[in-house]
């Protein structure tokens, strides 16, 4: 039986009350919990991340340190941005750097931003 959103929120609050950052077991359980919480979204592809990267670099004139909100906006609105092999290589690295749970959270936020603008959600399972 799957957990209700309220149960997941309680578990997340418990995890955050006593964080054990650096403990591999705790971090695996934390990632699994966040993945379960945000399982309505699907993980973006390398091409989608490359388009988002191109969008964020163009819109914010940012290179490198991109926050979650900027990634979400890039995923929501960057599908028409042009990309090159450098963008794809960087996207591949970013996909490795951020845990799956973070990408699912970012994709869920991108869905919300797209729907706010009257567009269809792109990152649904």
PDB file of N, CA and C in Angstrom:
ATOM      1  N   UNK A   1       0.840  -1.185   0.000  1.00  0.00           N
ATOM      2  CA  UNK A   1       0.000   0.000   0.000  1.00  0.00           C
ATOM      3  C   UNK A   1       0.885   1.247   0.000  1.00  0.00           C
ATOM      4  N   UNK A   2       0.576   2.214  -0.860  1.00  0.00           N
ATOM      5  CA  UNK A   2       1.383   3.420  -0.908  1.00  0.00           C
ATOM      6  C   UNK A   2       0.979   4.378   0.211  1.00  0.00           C
ATOM      7  N   UNK A   3       1.919   5.225   0.555  1.00  0.00           N
ATOM      8  CA  UNK A   3       1.695   6.173   1.642  1.00  0.00           C
ATOM      9  C   UNK A   3       0.892   7.366   1.135  1.00  0.00           C
ATOM     10  N   UNK A   4       0.132   7.966   2.024  1.00  0.00           N
ATOM     11  CA  UNK A   4      -0.616   9.166   1.663  1.00  0.00           C
ATOM     12  C   UNK A   4       0.341  10.352   1.665  1.00  0.00           C
ATOM     13  N   UNK A   5      -0.017  11.437   0.983  1.00  0.00           N
ATOM     14  CA  UNK A   5       0.841  12.629   1.015  1.00  0.00           C
ATOM     15  C   UNK A   5       1.092  13.123   2.449  1.00  0.00           C
ATOM     16  N   UNK A   6       0.095  13.028   3.306  1.00  0.00           N
ATOM     17  CA  UNK A   6       0.270  13.472   4.701  1.00  0.00           C
ATOM     18  C   UNK A   6       1.304  12.601   5.426  1.00  0.00           C
ATOM     19  N   UNK A   7       1.256  11.279   5.180  1.00  0.00           N
ATOM     20  CA  UNK A   7       2.233  10.385   5.798  1.00  0.00           C
ATOM     21  C   UNK A   7       3.648  10.713   5.307  1.00  0.00           C
ATOM     22  N   UNK A   8       3.782  10.959   4.023  1.00  0.00           N
ATOM     23  CA  UNK A   8       5.091  11.306   3.478  1.00  0.00           C
ATOM     24  C   UNK A   8       5.587  12.632   4.057  1.00  0.00           C
ATOM     25  N   UNK A   9       4.693  13.603   4.194  1.00  0.00           N
ATOM     26  CA  UNK A   9       5.082  14.886   4.788  1.00  0.00           C
ATOM     27  C   UNK A   9       5.559  14.709   6.227  1.00  0.00           C
ATOM     28  N   UNK A  10       4.885  13.855   7.000  1.00  0.00           N
ATOM     29  CA  UNK A  10       5.316  13.582   8.377  1.00  0.00           C
ATOM     30  C   UNK A  10       6.697  12.944   8.400  1.00  0.00           C
ATOM     31  N   UNK A  11       6.907  11.960   7.520  1.00  0.00           N
ATOM     32  CA  UNK A  11       8.218  11.297   7.463  1.00  0.00           C
ATOM     33  C   UNK A  11       9.317  12.277   7.066  1.00  0.00           C
ATOM     34  N   UNK A  12       9.025  13.146   6.134  1.00  0.00           N
ATOM     35  CA  UNK A  12      10.009  14.156   5.717  1.00  0.00           C
ATOM     36  C   UNK A  12      10.332  15.076   6.885  1.00  0.00           C
ATOM     37  N   UNK A  13       9.306  15.497   7.622  1.00  0.00           N
ATOM     38  CA  UNK A  13       9.532  16.356   8.799  1.00  0.00           C
ATOM     39  C   UNK A  13      10.405  15.644   9.831  1.00  0.00           C
ATOM     40  N   UNK A  14      10.172  14.351  10.042  1.00  0.00           N
ATOM     41  CA  UNK A  14      10.988  13.584  10.981  1.00  0.00           C
ATOM     42  C   UNK A  14      12.444  13.514  10.517  1.00  0.00           C
ATOM     43  N   UNK A  15      12.640  13.283   9.234  1.00  0.00           N
ATOM     44  CA  UNK A  15      14.001  13.237   8.701  1.00  0.00           C
ATOM     45  C   UNK A  15      14.704  14.573   8.889  1.00  0.00           C
ATOM     46  N   UNK A  16      13.989  15.660   8.632  1.00  0.00           N
ATOM     47  CA  UNK A  16      14.594  16.986   8.743  1.00  0.00           C
ATOM     48  C   UNK A  16      14.837  17.396  10.191  1.00  0.00           C
ATOM     49  N   UNK A  17      14.081  16.814  11.134  1.00  0.00           N
ATOM     50  CA  UNK A  17      14.263  17.135  12.552  1.00  0.00           C
ATOM     51  C   UNK A  17      15.609  16.640  13.066  1.00  0.00           C
ATOM     52  N   UNK A  18      16.077  15.518  12.517  1.00  0.00           N
ATOM     53  CA  UNK A  18      17.357  14.940  12.959  1.00  0.00           C
ATOM     54  C   UNK A  18      18.199  14.568  11.739  1.00  0.00           C
ATOM     55  N   UNK A  19      18.675  15.575  11.004  1.00  0.00           N
ATOM     56  CA  UNK A  19      19.463  15.259   9.808  1.00  0.00           C
ATOM     57  C   UNK A  19      20.794  14.611  10.167  1.00  0.00           C
ATOM     58  N   UNK A  20      21.197  13.651   9.368  1.00  0.00           N
ATOM     59  CA  UNK A  20      22.473  12.969   9.558  1.00  0.00           C
ATOM     60  C   UNK A  20      23.266  13.062   8.253  1.00  0.00           C
ATOM     61  N   UNK A  21      23.446  14.303   7.797  1.00  0.00           N
ATOM     62  CA  UNK A  21      24.157  14.531   6.548  1.00  0.00           C
ATOM     63  C   UNK A  21      25.551  13.931   6.661  1.00  0.00           C
ATOM     64  N   UNK A  22      25.934  13.184   5.652  1.00  0.00           N
ATOM     65  CA  UNK A  22      27.227  12.512   5.662  1.00  0.00           C
ATOM     66  C   UNK A  22      27.112  11.030   5.985  1.00  0.00           C
ATOM     67  N   UNK A  23      25.997  10.626   6.588  1.00  0.00           N
ATOM     68  CA  UNK A  23      25.749   9.214   6.877  1.00  0.00           C
ATOM     69  C   UNK A  23      25.134   8.589   5.622  1.00  0.00           C
ATOM     70  N   UNK A  24      25.854   7.674   4.958  1.00  0.00           N
ATOM     71  CA  UNK A  24      25.353   7.123   3.691  1.00  0.00           C
ATOM     72  C   UNK A  24      23.987   6.453   3.803  1.00  0.00           C
ATOM     73  N   UNK A  25      23.736   5.741   4.893  1.00  0.00           N
ATOM     74  CA  UNK A  25      22.440   5.065   5.059  1.00  0.00           C
ATOM     75  C   UNK A  25      21.320   6.099   5.154  1.00  0.00           C
ATOM     76  N   UNK A  26      21.524   7.140   5.964  1.00  0.00           N
ATOM     77  CA  UNK A  26      20.523   8.195   6.114  1.00  0.00           C
ATOM     78  C   UNK A  26      20.278   8.880   4.773  1.00  0.00           C
ATOM     79  N   UNK A  27      21.348   9.176   4.034  1.00  0.00           N
ATOM     80  CA  UNK A  27      21.199   9.879   2.755  1.00  0.00           C
ATOM     81  C   UNK A  27      20.464   9.026   1.719  1.00  0.00           C
ATOM     82  N   UNK A  28      20.705   7.692   1.717  1.00  0.00           N
ATOM     83  CA  UNK A  28      19.961   6.805   0.810  1.00  0.00           C
ATOM     84  C   UNK A  28      18.473   6.791   1.166  1.00  0.00           C
ATOM     85  N   UNK A  29      18.173   6.678   2.470  1.00  0.00           N
ATOM     86  CA  UNK A  29      16.771   6.666   2.905  1.00  0.00           C
ATOM     87  C   UNK A  29      16.094   8.003   2.594  1.00  0.00           C
ATOM     88  N   UNK A  30      16.823   9.096   2.783  1.00  0.00           N
ATOM     89  CA  UNK A  30      16.301  10.438   2.495  1.00  0.00           C
ATOM     90  C   UNK A  30      15.991  10.561   1.001  1.00  0.00           C
ATOM     91  N   UNK A  31      16.908  10.125   0.146  1.00  0.00           N
ATOM     92  CA  UNK A  31      16.698  10.186  -1.304  1.00  0.00           C
ATOM     93  C   UNK A  31      15.501   9.331  -1.709  1.00  0.00           C
ATOM     94  N   UNK A  32      15.369   8.141  -1.111  1.00  0.00           N
ATOM     95  CA  UNK A  32      14.235   7.266  -1.434  1.00  0.00           C
ATOM     96  C   UNK A  32      12.913   7.908  -1.015  1.00  0.00           C
ATOM     97  N   UNK A  33      12.910   8.553   0.147  1.00  0.00           N
ATOM     98  CA  UNK A  33      11.699   9.214   0.630  1.00  0.00           C
ATOM     99  C   UNK A  33      11.309  10.370  -0.289  1.00  0.00           C
ATOM    100  N   UNK A  34      12.278  11.185  -0.693  1.00  0.00           N
ATOM    101  CA  UNK A  34      11.976  12.291  -1.600  1.00  0.00           C
ATOM    102  C   UNK A  34      11.527  11.779  -2.963  1.00  0.00           C
ATOM    103  N   UNK A  35      12.137  10.700  -3.429  1.00  0.00           N
ATOM    104  CA  UNK A  35      11.727  10.113  -4.710  1.00  0.00           C
ATOM    105  C   UNK A  35      10.277   9.651  -4.630  1.00  0.00           C
ATOM    106  N   UNK A  36       9.923   9.025  -3.525  1.00  0.00           N
ATOM    107  CA  UNK A  36       8.541   8.571  -3.339  1.00  0.00           C
ATOM    108  C   UNK A  36       7.590   9.765  -3.277  1.00  0.00           C
ATOM    109  N   UNK A  37       7.994  10.817  -2.585  1.00  0.00           N
ATOM    110  CA  UNK A  37       7.155  12.012  -2.436  1.00  0.00           C
ATOM    111  C   UNK A  37       6.900  12.661  -3.796  1.00  0.00           C
ATOM    112  N   UNK A  38       7.914  12.683  -4.635  1.00  0.00           N
ATOM    113  CA  UNK A  38       7.807  13.391  -5.906  1.00  0.00           C
ATOM    114  C   UNK A  38       7.704  12.438  -7.091  1.00  0.00           C
ATOM    115  N   UNK A  39       7.119  11.278  -6.861  1.00  0.00           N
ATOM    116  CA  UNK A  39       7.071  10.261  -7.903  1.00  0.00           C
ATOM    117  C   UNK A  39       6.037  10.556  -8.989  1.00  0.00           C
ATOM    118  N   UNK A  40       5.286  11.655  -8.879  1.00  0.00           N
ATOM    119  CA  UNK A  40       4.329  12.005  -9.930  1.00  0.00           C
ATOM    120  C   UNK A  40       5.062  12.532 -11.162  1.00  0.00           C
ATOM    121  N   UNK A  41       6.272  13.017 -10.959  1.00  0.00           N
ATOM    122  CA  UNK A  41       7.039  13.567 -12.064  1.00  0.00           C
ATOM    123  C   UNK A  41       8.011  12.516 -12.590  1.00  0.00           C
ATOM    124  N   UNK A  42       8.452  12.724 -13.823  1.00  0.00           N
ATOM    125  CA  UNK A  42       9.487  11.857 -14.371  1.00  0.00           C
ATOM    126  C   UNK A  42      10.785  12.661 -14.444  1.00  0.00           C
ATOM    127  N   UNK A  43      11.874  11.947 -14.445  1.00  0.00           N
ATOM    128  CA  UNK A  43      13.190  12.571 -14.524  1.00  0.00           C
ATOM    129  C   UNK A  43      13.407  13.133 -15.929  1.00  0.00           C
ATOM    130  N   UNK A  44      13.937  14.356 -16.056  1.00  0.00           N
ATOM    131  CA  UNK A  44      14.191  14.925 -17.380  1.00  0.00           C
ATOM    132  C   UNK A  44      15.308  14.167 -18.110  1.00  0.00           C
ATOM    133  N   UNK A  45      15.266  14.211 -19.423  1.00  0.00           N
ATOM    134  CA  UNK A  45      16.308  13.588 -20.242  1.00  0.00           C
ATOM    135  C   UNK A  45      17.501  14.529 -20.369  1.00  0.00           C
ATOM    136  N   UNK A  46      18.598  14.012 -20.903  1.00  0.00           N
ATOM    137  CA  UNK A  46      19.790  14.839 -21.107  1.00  0.00           C
ATOM    138  C   UNK A  46      19.473  15.994 -22.058  1.00  0.00           C
ATOM    139  N   UNK A  47      18.741  15.732 -23.130  1.00  0.00           N
ATOM    140  CA  UNK A  47      18.390  16.812 -24.064  1.00  0.00           C
ATOM    141  C   UNK A  47      17.542  17.881 -23.386  1.00  0.00           C
ATOM    142  N   UNK A  48      16.590  17.468 -22.563  1.00  0.00           N
ATOM    143  CA  UNK A  48      15.741  18.438 -21.859  1.00  0.00           C
ATOM    144  C   UNK A  48      16.573  19.280 -20.888  1.00  0.00           C
ATOM    145  N   UNK A  49      17.525  18.651 -20.220  1.00  0.00           N
ATOM    146  CA  UNK A  49      18.394  19.394 -19.304  1.00  0.00           C
ATOM    147  C   UNK A  49      19.297  20.344 -20.094  1.00  0.00           C
ATOM    148  N   UNK A  50      19.769  19.909 -21.268  1.00  0.00           N
ATOM    149  CA  UNK A  50      20.601  20.775 -22.106  1.00  0.00           C
ATOM    150  C   UNK A  50      19.812  21.999 -22.561  1.00  0.00           C
ATOM    151  N   UNK A  51      18.556  21.806 -22.958  1.00  0.00           N
ATOM    152  CA  UNK A  51      17.710  22.948 -23.339  1.00  0.00           C
ATOM    153  C   UNK A  51      17.508  23.881 -22.147  1.00  0.00           C
ATOM    154  N   UNK A  52      17.283  23.303 -20.964  1.00  0.00           N
ATOM    155  CA  UNK A  52      17.099  24.109 -19.758  1.00  0.00           C
ATOM    156  C   UNK A  52      18.366  24.900 -19.446  1.00  0.00           C
ATOM    157  N   UNK A  53      19.520  24.259 -19.580  1.00  0.00           N
ATOM    158  CA  UNK A  53      20.797  24.917 -19.333  1.00  0.00           C
ATOM    159  C   UNK A  53      20.982  26.098 -20.280  1.00  0.00           C
ATOM    160  N   UNK A  54      20.707  25.884 -21.551  1.00  0.00           N
ATOM    161  CA  UNK A  54      20.823  26.952 -22.547  1.00  0.00           C
ATOM    162  C   UNK A  54      19.889  28.114 -22.208  1.00  0.00           C
ATOM    163  N   UNK A  55      18.669  27.791 -21.818  1.00  0.00           N
ATOM    164  CA  UNK A  55      17.686  28.812 -21.446  1.00  0.00           C
ATOM    165  C   UNK A  55      18.173  29.636 -20.253  1.00  0.00           C
ATOM    166  N   UNK A  56      18.623  28.946 -19.206  1.00  0.00           N
ATOM    167  CA  UNK A  56      19.054  29.636 -17.986  1.00  0.00           C
ATOM    168  C   UNK A  56      20.268  30.514 -18.273  1.00  0.00           C
ATOM    169  N   UNK A  57      21.217  30.008 -19.032  1.00  0.00           N
ATOM    170  CA  UNK A  57      22.401  30.805 -19.363  1.00  0.00           C
ATOM    171  C   UNK A  57      22.016  32.054 -20.147  1.00  0.00           C
ATOM    172  N   UNK A  58      21.047  31.918 -21.063  1.00  0.00           N
ATOM    173  CA  UNK A  58      20.610  33.055 -21.873  1.00  0.00           C
ATOM    174  C   UNK A  58      19.787  34.052 -21.044  1.00  0.00           C
ATOM    175  N   UNK A  59      18.833  33.544 -20.258  1.00  0.00           N
ATOM    176  CA  UNK A  59      17.921  34.410 -19.509  1.00  0.00           C
ATOM    177  C   UNK A  59      18.584  35.074 -18.290  1.00  0.00           C
ATOM    178  N   UNK A  60      19.453  34.338 -17.621  1.00  0.00           N
ATOM    179  CA  UNK A  60      20.038  34.843 -16.376  1.00  0.00           C
ATOM    180  C   UNK A  60      21.512  35.202 -16.503  1.00  0.00           C
ATOM    181  N   UNK A  61      22.101  34.970 -17.676  1.00  0.00           N
ATOM    182  CA  UNK A  61      23.529  35.194 -17.883  1.00  0.00           C
ATOM    183  C   UNK A  61      24.340  34.504 -16.787  1.00  0.00           C
ATOM    184  N   UNK A  62      23.943  33.266 -16.472  1.00  0.00           N
ATOM    185  CA  UNK A  62      24.585  32.477 -15.423  1.00  0.00           C
ATOM    186  C   UNK A  62      25.368  31.350 -16.078  1.00  0.00           C
ATOM    187  N   UNK A  63      26.560  31.127 -15.596  1.00  0.00           N
ATOM    188  CA  UNK A  63      27.355  29.973 -16.029  1.00  0.00           C
ATOM    189  C   UNK A  63      27.689  29.183 -14.777  1.00  0.00           C
ATOM    190  N   UNK A  64      27.361  27.905 -14.773  1.00  0.00           N
ATOM    191  CA  UNK A  64      27.787  27.051 -13.668  1.00  0.00           C
ATOM    192  C   UNK A  64      26.782  26.860 -12.555  1.00  0.00           C
ATOM    193  N   UNK A  65      26.770  27.728 -11.578  1.00  0.00           N
ATOM    194  CA  UNK A  65      25.991  27.516 -10.360  1.00  0.00           C
ATOM    195  C   UNK A  65      24.528  27.917 -10.559  1.00  0.00           C
ATOM    196  N   UNK A  66      23.714  26.956 -10.941  1.00  0.00           N
ATOM    197  CA  UNK A  66      22.297  27.191 -11.221  1.00  0.00           C
ATOM    198  C   UNK A  66      21.483  26.619 -10.072  1.00  0.00           C
ATOM    199  N   UNK A  67      20.544  27.418  -9.541  1.00  0.00           N
ATOM    200  CA  UNK A  67      19.729  26.913  -8.427  1.00  0.00           C
ATOM    201  C   UNK A  67      18.517  26.140  -8.946  1.00  0.00           C
ATOM    202  N   UNK A  68      17.837  25.456  -8.035  1.00  0.00           N
ATOM    203  CA  UNK A  68      16.707  24.606  -8.389  1.00  0.00           C
ATOM    204  C   UNK A  68      15.580  25.346  -9.085  1.00  0.00           C
ATOM    205  N   UNK A  69      15.308  26.552  -8.654  1.00  0.00           N
ATOM    206  CA  UNK A  69      14.226  27.331  -9.268  1.00  0.00           C
ATOM    207  C   UNK A  69      14.575  27.698 -10.707  1.00  0.00           C
ATOM    208  N   UNK A  70      15.844  28.035 -10.951  1.00  0.00           N
ATOM    209  CA  UNK A  70      16.271  28.340 -12.314  1.00  0.00           C
ATOM    210  C   UNK A  70      16.207  27.095 -13.200  1.00  0.00           C
ATOM    211  N   UNK A  71      16.618  25.936 -12.654  1.00  0.00           N
ATOM    212  CA  UNK A  71      16.506  24.688 -13.414  1.00  0.00           C
ATOM    213  C   UNK A  71      15.044  24.426 -13.766  1.00  0.00           C
ATOM    214  N   UNK A  72      14.149  24.610 -12.802  1.00  0.00           N
ATOM    215  CA  UNK A  72      12.726  24.354 -13.047  1.00  0.00           C
ATOM    216  C   UNK A  72      12.193  25.268 -14.142  1.00  0.00           C
ATOM    217  N   UNK A  73      12.551  26.541 -14.075  1.00  0.00           N
ATOM    218  CA  UNK A  73      12.107  27.477 -15.109  1.00  0.00           C
ATOM    219  C   UNK A  73      12.674  27.084 -16.474  1.00  0.00           C
ATOM    220  N   UNK A  74      13.938  26.690 -16.493  1.00  0.00           N
ATOM    221  CA  UNK A  74      14.557  26.253 -17.744  1.00  0.00           C
ATOM    222  C   UNK A  74      13.877  25.030 -18.327  1.00  0.00           C
ATOM    223  N   UNK A  75      13.534  24.075 -17.458  1.00  0.00           N
ATOM    224  CA  UNK A  75      12.831  22.880 -17.936  1.00  0.00           C
ATOM    225  C   UNK A  75      11.439  23.232 -18.448  1.00  0.00           C
ATOM    226  N   UNK A  76      10.781  24.172 -17.763  1.00  0.00           N
ATOM    227  CA  UNK A  76       9.419  24.539 -18.141  1.00  0.00           C
ATOM    228  C   UNK A  76       9.377  25.299 -19.466  1.00  0.00           C
ATOM    229  N   UNK A  77      10.360  26.173 -19.691  1.00  0.00           N
ATOM    230  CA  UNK A  77      10.261  27.094 -20.826  1.00  0.00           C
ATOM    231  C   UNK A  77      11.418  27.021 -21.823  1.00  0.00           C
ATOM    232  N   UNK A  78      12.391  26.174 -21.580  1.00  0.00           N
ATOM    233  CA  UNK A  78      13.578  26.154 -22.434  1.00  0.00           C
ATOM    234  C   UNK A  78      13.562  25.171 -23.580  1.00  0.00           C
ATOM    235  N   UNK A  79      12.435  24.521 -23.830  1.00  0.00           N
ATOM    236  CA  UNK A  79      12.411  23.478 -24.856  1.00  0.00           C
ATOM    237  C   UNK A  79      12.734  24.015 -26.247  1.00  0.00           C
ATOM    238  N   UNK A  80      12.592  25.293 -26.480  1.00  0.00           N
ATOM    239  CA  UNK A  80      12.873  25.862 -27.798  1.00  0.00           C
ATOM    240  C   UNK A  80      14.273  26.464 -27.885  1.00  0.00           C
ATOM    241  N   UNK A  81      15.026  26.428 -26.796  1.00  0.00           N
ATOM    242  CA  UNK A  81      16.384  26.967 -26.797  1.00  0.00           C
ATOM    243  C   UNK A  81      17.285  26.080 -27.648  1.00  0.00           C
ATOM    244  N   UNK A  82      18.199  26.726 -28.372  1.00  0.00           N
ATOM    245  CA  UNK A  82      19.135  25.937 -29.174  1.00  0.00           C
ATOM    246  C   UNK A  82      20.214  25.363 -28.265  1.00  0.00           C
ATOM    247  N   UNK A  83      20.670  24.161 -28.600  1.00  0.00           N
ATOM    248  CA  UNK A  83      21.711  23.516 -27.798  1.00  0.00           C
ATOM    249  C   UNK A  83      22.837  23.048 -28.721  1.00  0.00           C
ATOM    250  N   UNK A  84      24.000  22.865 -28.123  1.00  0.00           N
ATOM    251  CA  UNK A  84      25.127  22.315 -28.869  1.00  0.00           C
ATOM    252  C   UNK A  84      25.726  21.170 -28.056  1.00  0.00           C
ATOM    253  N   UNK A  85      26.796  20.611 -28.536  1.00  0.00           N
ATOM    254  CA  UNK A  85      27.420  19.460 -27.870  1.00  0.00           C
ATOM    255  C   UNK A  85      27.946  19.824 -26.481  1.00  0.00           C
ATOM    256  N   UNK A  86      28.379  21.058 -26.297  1.00  0.00           N
ATOM    257  CA  UNK A  86      28.857  21.488 -24.980  1.00  0.00           C
ATOM    258  C   UNK A  86      27.709  21.461 -23.976  1.00  0.00           C
ATOM    259  N   UNK A  87      26.541  21.965 -24.385  1.00  0.00           N
ATOM    260  CA  UNK A  87      25.363  21.943 -23.506  1.00  0.00           C
ATOM    261  C   UNK A  87      25.006  20.508 -23.127  1.00  0.00           C
ATOM    262  N   UNK A  88      25.074  19.607 -24.111  1.00  0.00           N
ATOM    263  CA  UNK A  88      24.728  18.205 -23.839  1.00  0.00           C
ATOM    264  C   UNK A  88      25.736  17.564 -22.887  1.00  0.00           C
ATOM    265  N   UNK A  89      27.005  17.884 -23.056  1.00  0.00           N
ATOM    266  CA  UNK A  89      28.035  17.332 -22.162  1.00  0.00           C
ATOM    267  C   UNK A  89      27.836  17.845 -20.738  1.00  0.00           C
ATOM    268  N   UNK A  90      27.553  19.142 -20.614  1.00  0.00           N
ATOM    269  CA  UNK A  90      27.305  19.712 -19.279  1.00  0.00           C
ATOM    270  C   UNK A  90      26.038  19.124 -18.665  1.00  0.00           C
ATOM    271  N   UNK A  91      25.016  18.925 -19.488  1.00  0.00           N
ATOM    272  CA  UNK A  91      23.765  18.347 -18.995  1.00  0.00           C
ATOM    273  C   UNK A  91      24.006  16.935 -18.473  1.00  0.00           C
ATOM    274  N   UNK A  92      24.819  16.176 -19.176  1.00  0.00           N
ATOM    275  CA  UNK A  92      25.140  14.813 -18.752  1.00  0.00           C
ATOM    276  C   UNK A  92      25.833  14.828 -17.385  1.00  0.00           C
ATOM    277  N   UNK A  93      26.726  15.778 -17.190  1.00  0.00           N
ATOM    278  CA  UNK A  93      27.413  15.916 -15.896  1.00  0.00           C
ATOM    279  C   UNK A  93      26.432  16.332 -14.794  1.00  0.00           C
ATOM    280  N   UNK A  94      25.543  17.264 -15.112  1.00  0.00           N
ATOM    281  CA  UNK A  94      24.560  17.724 -14.117  1.00  0.00           C
ATOM    282  C   UNK A  94      23.632  16.589 -13.710  1.00  0.00           C
ATOM    283  N   UNK A  95      23.288  15.747 -14.654  1.00  0.00           N
ATOM    284  CA  UNK A  95      22.419  14.608 -14.371  1.00  0.00           C
ATOM    285  C   UNK A  95      23.082  13.677 -13.356  1.00  0.00           C
ATOM    286  N   UNK A  96      24.409  13.564 -13.434  1.00  0.00           N
ATOM    287  CA  UNK A  96      25.155  12.734 -12.483  1.00  0.00           C
ATOM    288  C   UNK A  96      25.313  13.415 -11.125  1.00  0.00           C
ATOM    289  N   UNK A  97      25.449  14.739 -11.122  1.00  0.00           N
ATOM    290  CA  UNK A  97      25.730  15.470  -9.884  1.00  0.00           C
ATOM    291  C   UNK A  97      24.537  15.567  -8.937  1.00  0.00           C
ATOM    292  N   UNK A  98      23.363  15.798  -9.493  1.00  0.00           N
ATOM    293  CA  UNK A  98      22.177  15.942  -8.651  1.00  0.00           C
ATOM    294  C   UNK A  98      21.489  14.598  -8.481  1.00  0.00           C
ATOM    295  N   UNK A  99      21.086  14.255  -7.264  1.00  0.00           N
ATOM    296  CA  UNK A  99      20.371  12.987  -7.047  1.00  0.00           C
ATOM    297  C   UNK A  99      19.032  12.969  -7.791  1.00  0.00           C
ATOM    298  N   UNK A 100      18.554  11.770  -8.062  1.00  0.00           N
ATOM    299  CA  UNK A 100      17.286  11.618  -8.777  1.00  0.00           C
ATOM    300  C   UNK A 100      16.152  12.346  -8.068  1.00  0.00           C
ATOM    301  N   UNK A 101      16.150  12.297  -6.740  1.00  0.00           N
ATOM    302  CA  UNK A 101      15.087  12.967  -5.979  1.00  0.00           C
ATOM    303  C   UNK A 101      15.069  14.465  -6.269  1.00  0.00           C
ATOM    304  N   UNK A 102      16.246  15.074  -6.403  1.00  0.00           N
ATOM    305  CA  UNK A 102      16.306  16.504  -6.719  1.00  0.00           C
ATOM    306  C   UNK A 102      15.750  16.776  -8.114  1.00  0.00           C
ATOM    307  N   UNK A 103      16.108  15.915  -9.086  1.00  0.00           N
ATOM    308  CA  UNK A 103      15.583  16.110 -10.435  1.00  0.00           C
ATOM    309  C   UNK A 103      14.070  15.953 -10.474  1.00  0.00           C
ATOM    310  N   UNK A 104      13.550  15.014  -9.704  1.00  0.00           N
ATOM    311  CA  UNK A 104      12.093  14.832  -9.668  1.00  0.00           C
ATOM    312  C   UNK A 104      11.410  16.052  -9.057  1.00  0.00           C
ATOM    313  N   UNK A 105      11.996  16.608  -8.013  1.00  0.00           N
ATOM    314  CA  UNK A 105      11.449  17.819  -7.393  1.00  0.00           C
ATOM    315  C   UNK A 105      11.498  18.989  -8.377  1.00  0.00           C
ATOM    316  N   UNK A 106      12.616  19.136  -9.075  1.00  0.00           N
ATOM    317  CA  UNK A 106      12.754  20.205 -10.068  1.00  0.00           C
ATOM    318  C   UNK A 106      11.745  20.004 -11.207  1.00  0.00           C
ATOM    319  N   UNK A 107      11.583  18.765 -11.662  1.00  0.00           N
ATOM    320  CA  UNK A 107      10.623  18.479 -12.742  1.00  0.00           C
ATOM    321  C   UNK A 107       9.191  18.769 -12.292  1.00  0.00           C
ATOM    322  N   UNK A 108       8.896  18.435 -11.042  1.00  0.00           N
ATOM    323  CA  UNK A 108       7.560  18.719 -10.515  1.00  0.00           C
ATOM    324  C   UNK A 108       7.310  20.230 -10.483  1.00  0.00           C
ATOM    325  N   UNK A 109       8.313  20.993 -10.094  1.00  0.00           N
ATOM    326  CA  UNK A 109       8.198  22.457 -10.074  1.00  0.00           C
ATOM    327  C   UNK A 109       8.051  22.990 -11.507  1.00  0.00           C
ATOM    328  N   UNK A 110       8.777  22.408 -12.452  1.00  0.00           N
ATOM    329  CA  UNK A 110       8.671  22.821 -13.855  1.00  0.00           C
ATOM    330  C   UNK A 110       7.250  22.578 -14.371  1.00  0.00           C
ATOM    331  N   UNK A 111       6.667  21.443 -13.999  1.00  0.00           N
ATOM    332  CA  UNK A 111       5.276  21.166 -14.381  1.00  0.00           C
ATOM    333  C   UNK A 111       4.353  22.256 -13.862  1.00  0.00           C
ATOM    334  N   UNK A 112       4.545  22.639 -12.605  1.00  0.00           N
ATOM    335  CA  UNK A 112       3.713  23.672 -11.991  1.00  0.00           C
ATOM    336  C   UNK A 112       3.881  25.008 -12.726  1.00  0.00           C
ATOM    337  N   UNK A 113       5.127  25.393 -13.017  1.00  0.00           N
ATOM    338  CA  UNK A 113       5.379  26.663 -13.707  1.00  0.00           C
ATOM    339  C   UNK A 113       4.740  26.666 -15.097  1.00  0.00           C
ATOM    340  N   UNK A 114       4.856  25.554 -15.812  1.00  0.00           N
ATOM    341  CA  UNK A 114       4.257  25.470 -17.151  1.00  0.00           C
ATOM    342  C   UNK A 114       2.733  25.599 -17.058  1.00  0.00           C
ATOM    343  N   UNK A 115       2.132  24.911 -16.101  1.00  0.00           N
ATOM    344  CA  UNK A 115       0.675  24.979 -15.946  1.00  0.00           C
ATOM    345  C   UNK A 115       0.215  26.378 -15.548  1.00  0.00           C
ATOM    346  N   UNK A 116       1.020  27.089 -14.760  1.00  0.00           N
ATOM    347  CA  UNK A 116       0.689  28.476 -14.404  1.00  0.00           C
ATOM    348  C   UNK A 116       0.588  29.362 -15.638  1.00  0.00           C
ATOM    349  N   UNK A 117       1.379  29.040 -16.661  1.00  0.00           N
ATOM    350  CA  UNK A 117       1.384  29.824 -17.898  1.00  0.00           C
ATOM    351  C   UNK A 117       0.412  29.264 -18.940  1.00  0.00           C
ATOM    352  N   UNK A 118      -0.414  28.301 -18.516  1.00  0.00           N
ATOM    353  CA  UNK A 118      -1.413  27.738 -19.418  1.00  0.00           C
ATOM    354  C   UNK A 118      -0.860  26.681 -20.364  1.00  0.00           C
ATOM    355  N   UNK A 119       0.340  26.186 -20.082  1.00  0.00           N
ATOM    356  CA  UNK A 119       0.944  25.156 -20.923  1.00  0.00           C
ATOM    357  C   UNK A 119       0.752  23.798 -20.266  1.00  0.00           C
ATOM    358  N   UNK A 120       0.917  22.746 -21.040  1.00  0.00           N
ATOM    359  CA  UNK A 120       0.788  21.387 -20.518  1.00  0.00           C
ATOM    360  C   UNK A 120       2.033  21.005 -19.715  1.00  0.00           C
ATOM    361  N   UNK A 121       1.831  20.209 -18.697  1.00  0.00           N
ATOM    362  CA  UNK A 121       2.948  19.688 -17.921  1.00  0.00           C
ATOM    363  C   UNK A 121       3.757  18.743 -18.809  1.00  0.00           C
ATOM    364  N   UNK A 122       5.078  18.844 -18.752  1.00  0.00           N
ATOM    365  CA  UNK A 122       5.930  18.028 -19.618  1.00  0.00           C
ATOM    366  C   UNK A 122       6.537  16.835 -18.930  1.00  0.00           C
ATOM    367  N   UNK A 123       6.610  16.859 -17.627  1.00  0.00           N
ATOM    368  CA  UNK A 123       7.376  15.851 -16.896  1.00  0.00           C
ATOM    369  C   UNK A 123       6.464  14.989 -16.038  1.00  0.00           C
ATOM    370  N   UNK A 124       5.443  14.429 -16.636  1.00  0.00           N
ATOM    371  CA  UNK A 124       4.528  13.509 -15.959  1.00  0.00           C
ATOM    372  C   UNK A 124       4.917  12.085 -16.315  1.00  0.00           C
ATOM    373  N   UNK A 125       4.691  11.196 -15.389  1.00  0.00           N
ATOM    374  CA  UNK A 125       4.951   9.777 -15.671  1.00  0.00           C
ATOM    375  C   UNK A 125       3.877   9.251 -16.593  1.00  0.00           C
TER     376      UNK A 125
END
